[in-house]
Amino acid sequence: MSTEPAWFKSSYSGSGGGNCVEVAVRPEVVHVRDSKDKRIRPLAVTPTAWTAFTALAGNSSPND
């Protein structure tokens, strides 16, 4: 059994790189990191906080 989290990028990120984040979801924690510099320690948040963040981000427009 692997202890390494499975990282993924949003389908909105595209294939050109740029400013992307990667996310690894575990039952007890959600890790978020910069896709360009994986040496930096990922941000760790609770699943509840991640759900609240994504709900808010999904309901916002770029001009908000």
PDB file of N, CA and C in Angstrom:
ATOM      1  N   MET A   1       0.844  -1.189   0.000  1.00  0.00           N
ATOM      2  CA  MET A   1       0.000   0.000   0.000  1.00  0.00           C
ATOM      3  C   MET A   1       0.883   1.243   0.000  1.00  0.00           C
ATOM      4  N   SER A   2       0.641   2.141  -0.931  1.00  0.00           N
ATOM      5  CA  SER A   2       1.444   3.356  -1.064  1.00  0.00           C
ATOM      6  C   SER A   2       1.004   4.404  -0.046  1.00  0.00           C
ATOM      7  N   THR A   3       1.976   5.073   0.559  1.00  0.00           N
ATOM      8  CA  THR A   3       1.659   6.155   1.485  1.00  0.00           C
ATOM      9  C   THR A   3       1.770   7.509   0.791  1.00  0.00           C
ATOM     10  N   GLU A   4       2.245   7.523  -0.435  1.00  0.00           N
ATOM     11  CA  GLU A   4       2.375   8.761  -1.211  1.00  0.00           C
ATOM     12  C   GLU A   4       0.992   9.183  -1.710  1.00  0.00           C
ATOM     13  N   PRO A   5       0.602  10.440  -1.441  1.00  0.00           N
ATOM     14  CA  PRO A   5      -0.728  10.881  -1.910  1.00  0.00           C
ATOM     15  C   PRO A   5      -0.795  10.966  -3.432  1.00  0.00           C
ATOM     16  N   ALA A   6      -1.997  10.781  -3.967  1.00  0.00           N
ATOM     17  CA  ALA A   6      -2.230  10.900  -5.405  1.00  0.00           C
ATOM     18  C   ALA A   6      -2.581  12.355  -5.710  1.00  0.00           C
ATOM     19  N   TRP A   7      -1.682  13.060  -6.401  1.00  0.00           N
ATOM     20  CA  TRP A   7      -1.870  14.476  -6.726  1.00  0.00           C
ATOM     21  C   TRP A   7      -2.598  14.618  -8.041  1.00  0.00           C
ATOM     22  N   PHE A   8      -3.453  15.645  -8.148  1.00  0.00           N
ATOM     23  CA  PHE A   8      -4.116  15.935  -9.419  1.00  0.00           C
ATOM     24  C   PHE A   8      -4.306  17.427  -9.581  1.00  0.00           C
ATOM     25  N   LYS A   9      -4.430  17.847 -10.844  1.00  0.00           N
ATOM     26  CA  LYS A   9      -4.710  19.241 -11.192  1.00  0.00           C
ATOM     27  C   LYS A   9      -6.127  19.331 -11.720  1.00  0.00           C
ATOM     28  N   SER A  10      -6.695  20.496 -11.616  1.00  0.00           N
ATOM     29  CA  SER A  10      -8.026  20.742 -12.146  1.00  0.00           C
ATOM     30  C   SER A  10      -8.032  20.555 -13.658  1.00  0.00           C
ATOM     31  N   SER A  11      -9.152  20.112 -14.177  1.00  0.00           N
ATOM     32  CA  SER A  11      -9.289  19.987 -15.630  1.00  0.00           C
ATOM     33  C   SER A  11      -9.260  21.364 -16.291  1.00  0.00           C
ATOM     34  N   TYR A  12      -9.474  22.427 -15.526  1.00  0.00           N
ATOM     35  CA  TYR A  12      -9.411  23.794 -16.042  1.00  0.00           C
ATOM     36  C   TYR A  12      -7.972  24.280 -16.203  1.00  0.00           C
ATOM     37  N   SER A  13      -7.000  23.546 -15.681  1.00  0.00           N
ATOM     38  CA  SER A  13      -5.602  23.973 -15.725  1.00  0.00           C
ATOM     39  C   SER A  13      -5.016  23.942 -17.129  1.00  0.00           C
ATOM     40  N   GLY A  14      -5.492  23.056 -17.956  1.00  0.00           N
ATOM     41  CA  GLY A  14      -4.945  22.937 -19.301  1.00  0.00           C
ATOM     42  C   GLY A  14      -3.605  22.231 -19.284  1.00  0.00           C
ATOM     43  N   SER A  15      -2.966  22.142 -20.422  1.00  0.00           N
ATOM     44  CA  SER A  15      -1.696  21.419 -20.503  1.00  0.00           C
ATOM     45  C   SER A  15      -0.502  22.354 -20.649  1.00  0.00           C
ATOM     46  N   GLY A  16      -0.727  23.652 -20.657  1.00  0.00           N
ATOM     47  CA  GLY A  16       0.351  24.602 -20.884  1.00  0.00           C
ATOM     48  C   GLY A  16       1.154  24.971 -19.649  1.00  0.00           C
ATOM     49  N   GLY A  17       0.848  24.368 -18.505  1.00  0.00           N
ATOM     50  CA  GLY A  17       1.573  24.726 -17.280  1.00  0.00           C
ATOM     51  C   GLY A  17       1.012  25.994 -16.700  1.00  0.00           C
ATOM     52  N   GLY A  18       1.867  26.966 -16.453  1.00  0.00           N
ATOM     53  CA  GLY A  18       1.391  28.232 -15.926  1.00  0.00           C
ATOM     54  C   GLY A  18       1.163  28.189 -14.433  1.00  0.00           C
ATOM     55  N   ASN A  19       0.165  28.913 -14.011  1.00  0.00           N
ATOM     56  CA  ASN A  19      -0.133  29.041 -12.588  1.00  0.00           C
ATOM     57  C   ASN A  19      -1.154  28.002 -12.156  1.00  0.00           C
ATOM     58  N   CYS A  20      -0.691  26.845 -11.748  1.00  0.00           N
ATOM     59  CA  CYS A  20      -1.580  25.762 -11.364  1.00  0.00           C
ATOM     60  C   CYS A  20      -1.272  25.292  -9.944  1.00  0.00           C
ATOM     61  N   VAL A  21      -2.282  24.758  -9.321  1.00  0.00           N
ATOM     62  CA  VAL A  21      -2.078  24.085  -8.046  1.00  0.00           C
ATOM     63  C   VAL A  21      -2.463  22.627  -8.223  1.00  0.00           C
ATOM     64  N   GLU A  22      -1.907  21.787  -7.385  1.00  0.00           N
ATOM     65  CA  GLU A  22      -2.250  20.377  -7.363  1.00  0.00           C
ATOM     66  C   GLU A  22      -2.855  20.068  -6.003  1.00  0.00           C
ATOM     67  N   VAL A  23      -3.747  19.098  -5.989  1.00  0.00           N
ATOM     68  CA  VAL A  23      -4.447  18.726  -4.771  1.00  0.00           C
ATOM     69  C   VAL A  23      -4.336  17.221  -4.569  1.00  0.00           C
ATOM     70  N   ALA A  24      -4.150  16.822  -3.313  1.00  0.00           N
ATOM     71  CA  ALA A  24      -4.178  15.407  -2.931  1.00  0.00           C
ATOM     72  C   ALA A  24      -5.173  15.283  -1.781  1.00  0.00           C
ATOM     73  N   VAL A  25      -6.211  14.509  -2.007  1.00  0.00           N
ATOM     74  CA  VAL A  25      -7.282  14.377  -1.021  1.00  0.00           C
ATOM     75  C   VAL A  25      -7.114  13.073  -0.254  1.00  0.00           C
ATOM     76  N   ARG A  26      -7.112  13.180   1.044  1.00  0.00           N
ATOM     77  CA  ARG A  26      -7.099  12.032   1.950  1.00  0.00           C
ATOM     78  C   ARG A  26      -8.314  12.173   2.857  1.00  0.00           C
ATOM     79  N   PRO A  27      -8.764  11.113   3.493  1.00  0.00           N
ATOM     80  CA  PRO A  27      -9.939  11.230   4.370  1.00  0.00           C
ATOM     81  C   PRO A  27      -9.762  12.247   5.500  1.00  0.00           C
ATOM     82  N   GLU A  28      -8.553  12.365   6.034  1.00  0.00           N
ATOM     83  CA  GLU A  28      -8.325  13.223   7.185  1.00  0.00           C
ATOM     84  C   GLU A  28      -7.744  14.593   6.853  1.00  0.00           C
ATOM     85  N   VAL A  29      -7.254  14.792   5.620  1.00  0.00           N
ATOM     86  CA  VAL A  29      -6.598  16.048   5.249  1.00  0.00           C
ATOM     87  C   VAL A  29      -6.595  16.217   3.730  1.00  0.00           C
ATOM     88  N   VAL A  30      -6.609  17.480   3.296  1.00  0.00           N
ATOM     89  CA  VAL A  30      -6.461  17.809   1.876  1.00  0.00           C
ATOM     90  C   VAL A  30      -5.171  18.611   1.741  1.00  0.00           C
ATOM     91  N   HIS A  31      -4.270  18.137   0.875  1.00  0.00           N
ATOM     92  CA  HIS A  31      -2.997  18.813   0.638  1.00  0.00           C
ATOM     93  C   HIS A  31      -3.101  19.628  -0.647  1.00  0.00           C
ATOM     94  N   VAL A  32      -2.546  20.849  -0.630  1.00  0.00           N
ATOM     95  CA  VAL A  32      -2.554  21.734  -1.795  1.00  0.00           C
ATOM     96  C   VAL A  32      -1.127  22.222  -2.002  1.00  0.00           C
ATOM     97  N   ARG A  33      -0.624  22.129  -3.255  1.00  0.00           N
ATOM     98  CA  ARG A  33       0.746  22.575  -3.530  1.00  0.00           C
ATOM     99  C   ARG A  33       0.831  23.277  -4.879  1.00  0.00           C
ATOM    100  N   ASP A  34       1.909  24.022  -5.043  1.00  0.00           N
ATOM    101  CA  ASP A  34       2.226  24.702  -6.298  1.00  0.00           C
ATOM    102  C   ASP A  34       2.740  23.651  -7.279  1.00  0.00           C
ATOM    103  N   SER A  35       2.155  23.583  -8.450  1.00  0.00           N
ATOM    104  CA  SER A  35       2.569  22.561  -9.422  1.00  0.00           C
ATOM    105  C   SER A  35       3.954  22.830 -10.000  1.00  0.00           C
ATOM    106  N   LYS A  36       4.431  24.076  -9.904  1.00  0.00           N
ATOM    107  CA  LYS A  36       5.743  24.406 -10.466  1.00  0.00           C
ATOM    108  C   LYS A  36       6.896  24.155  -9.492  1.00  0.00           C
ATOM    109  N   ASP A  37       6.617  24.136  -8.188  1.00  0.00           N
ATOM    110  CA  ASP A  37       7.681  23.944  -7.199  1.00  0.00           C
ATOM    111  C   ASP A  37       7.217  22.949  -6.148  1.00  0.00           C
ATOM    112  N   LYS A  38       7.402  21.687  -6.450  1.00  0.00           N
ATOM    113  CA  LYS A  38       6.919  20.612  -5.592  1.00  0.00           C
ATOM    114  C   LYS A  38       7.807  20.389  -4.373  1.00  0.00           C
ATOM    115  N   ARG A  39       8.903  21.142  -4.279  1.00  0.00           N
ATOM    116  CA  ARG A  39       9.783  21.019  -3.105  1.00  0.00           C
ATOM    117  C   ARG A  39       9.214  21.755  -1.898  1.00  0.00           C
ATOM    118  N   ILE A  40       8.360  22.741  -2.163  1.00  0.00           N
ATOM    119  CA  ILE A  40       7.752  23.509  -1.077  1.00  0.00           C
ATOM    120  C   ILE A  40       6.715  22.632  -0.367  1.00  0.00           C
ATOM    121  N   ARG A  41       6.721  22.707   0.930  1.00  0.00           N
ATOM    122  CA  ARG A  41       5.790  21.913   1.729  1.00  0.00           C
ATOM    123  C   ARG A  41       4.343  22.293   1.378  1.00  0.00           C
ATOM    124  N   PRO A  42       3.489  21.299   1.132  1.00  0.00           N
ATOM    125  CA  PRO A  42       2.101  21.590   0.769  1.00  0.00           C
ATOM    126  C   PRO A  42       1.314  22.181   1.937  1.00  0.00           C
ATOM    127  N   LEU A  43       0.314  22.946   1.587  1.00  0.00           N
ATOM    128  CA  LEU A  43      -0.646  23.453   2.551  1.00  0.00           C
ATOM    129  C   LEU A  43      -1.561  22.284   2.908  1.00  0.00           C
ATOM    130  N   ALA A  44      -1.858  22.118   4.188  1.00  0.00           N
ATOM    131  CA  ALA A  44      -2.756  21.050   4.633  1.00  0.00           C
ATOM    132  C   ALA A  44      -3.973  21.679   5.289  1.00  0.00           C
ATOM    133  N   VAL A  45      -5.154  21.307   4.817  1.00  0.00           N
ATOM    134  CA  VAL A  45      -6.403  21.825   5.374  1.00  0.00           C
ATOM    135  C   VAL A  45      -7.346  20.655   5.654  1.00  0.00           C
ATOM    136  N   THR A  46      -8.339  20.913   6.491  1.00  0.00           N
ATOM    137  CA  THR A  46      -9.325  19.878   6.773  1.00  0.00           C
ATOM    138  C   THR A  46     -10.243  19.704   5.568  1.00  0.00           C
ATOM    139  N   PRO A  47     -10.828  18.527   5.426  1.00  0.00           N
ATOM    140  CA  PRO A  47     -11.796  18.350   4.341  1.00  0.00           C
ATOM    141  C   PRO A  47     -12.952  19.341   4.424  1.00  0.00           C
ATOM    142  N   THR A  48     -13.375  19.709   5.624  1.00  0.00           N
ATOM    143  CA  THR A  48     -14.454  20.682   5.792  1.00  0.00           C
ATOM    144  C   THR A  48     -14.046  22.048   5.253  1.00  0.00           C
ATOM    145  N   ALA A  49     -12.817  22.469   5.561  1.00  0.00           N
ATOM    146  CA  ALA A  49     -12.322  23.758   5.063  1.00  0.00           C
ATOM    147  C   ALA A  49     -12.200  23.728   3.537  1.00  0.00           C
ATOM    148  N   TRP A  50     -11.714  22.631   2.980  1.00  0.00           N
ATOM    149  CA  TRP A  50     -11.563  22.509   1.527  1.00  0.00           C
ATOM    150  C   TRP A  50     -12.926  22.578   0.835  1.00  0.00           C
ATOM    151  N   THR A  51     -13.913  21.902   1.401  1.00  0.00           N
ATOM    152  CA  THR A  51     -15.261  21.930   0.840  1.00  0.00           C
ATOM    153  C   THR A  51     -15.822  23.345   0.847  1.00  0.00           C
ATOM    154  N   ALA A  52     -15.627  24.058   1.943  1.00  0.00           N
ATOM    155  CA  ALA A  52     -16.104  25.440   2.032  1.00  0.00           C
ATOM    156  C   ALA A  52     -15.388  26.325   1.011  1.00  0.00           C
ATOM    157  N   PHE A  53     -14.075  26.157   0.871  1.00  0.00           N
ATOM    158  CA  PHE A  53     -13.303  26.948  -0.093  1.00  0.00           C
ATOM    159  C   PHE A  53     -13.774  26.692  -1.520  1.00  0.00           C
ATOM    160  N   THR A  54     -13.905  25.437  -1.902  1.00  0.00           N
ATOM    161  CA  THR A  54     -14.298  25.134  -3.279  1.00  0.00           C
ATOM    162  C   THR A  54     -15.728  25.579  -3.560  1.00  0.00           C
ATOM    163  N   ALA A  55     -16.612  25.515  -2.557  1.00  0.00           N
ATOM    164  CA  ALA A  55     -17.977  26.002  -2.745  1.00  0.00           C
ATOM    165  C   ALA A  55     -17.969  27.506  -2.984  1.00  0.00           C
ATOM    166  N   LEU A  56     -17.199  28.233  -2.209  1.00  0.00           N
ATOM    167  CA  LEU A  56     -17.111  29.680  -2.368  1.00  0.00           C
ATOM    168  C   LEU A  56     -16.471  30.036  -3.720  1.00  0.00           C
ATOM    169  N   ALA A  57     -15.393  29.356  -4.073  1.00  0.00           N
ATOM    170  CA  ALA A  57     -14.715  29.625  -5.347  1.00  0.00           C
ATOM    171  C   ALA A  57     -15.633  29.307  -6.534  1.00  0.00           C
ATOM    172  N   GLY A  58     -16.422  28.267  -6.416  1.00  0.00           N
ATOM    173  CA  GLY A  58     -17.333  27.885  -7.489  1.00  0.00           C
ATOM    174  C   GLY A  58     -18.471  28.868  -7.681  1.00  0.00           C
ATOM    175  N   ASN A  59     -18.793  29.627  -6.631  1.00  0.00           N
ATOM    176  CA  ASN A  59     -19.883  30.596  -6.707  1.00  0.00           C
ATOM    177  C   ASN A  59     -19.409  32.022  -7.000  1.00  0.00           C
ATOM    178  N   SER A  60     -18.106  32.187  -7.207  1.00  0.00           N
ATOM    179  CA  SER A  60     -17.530  33.521  -7.449  1.00  0.00           C
ATOM    180  C   SER A  60     -17.238  33.714  -8.924  1.00  0.00           C
ATOM    181  N   SER A  61     -17.261  34.969  -9.346  1.00  0.00           N
ATOM    182  CA  SER A  61     -16.837  35.297 -10.705  1.00  0.00           C
ATOM    183  C   SER A  61     -15.474  35.969 -10.621  1.00  0.00           C
ATOM    184  N   PRO A  62     -14.719  36.026 -11.708  1.00  0.00           N
ATOM    185  CA  PRO A  62     -13.390  36.625 -11.673  1.00  0.00           C
ATOM    186  C   PRO A  62     -13.400  38.083 -11.218  1.00  0.00           C
ATOM    187  N   ASN A  63     -14.512  38.779 -11.333  1.00  0.00           N
ATOM    188  CA  ASN A  63     -14.582  40.186 -10.954  1.00  0.00           C
ATOM    189  C   ASN A  63     -15.049  40.421  -9.520  1.00  0.00           C
ATOM    190  N   ASP A  64     -15.350  39.348  -8.777  1.00  0.00           N
ATOM    191  CA  ASP A  64     -15.805  39.496  -7.383  1.00  0.00           C
ATOM    192  C   ASP A  64     -14.688  39.946  -6.475  1.00  0.00           C
TER     193      ASP A  64
END
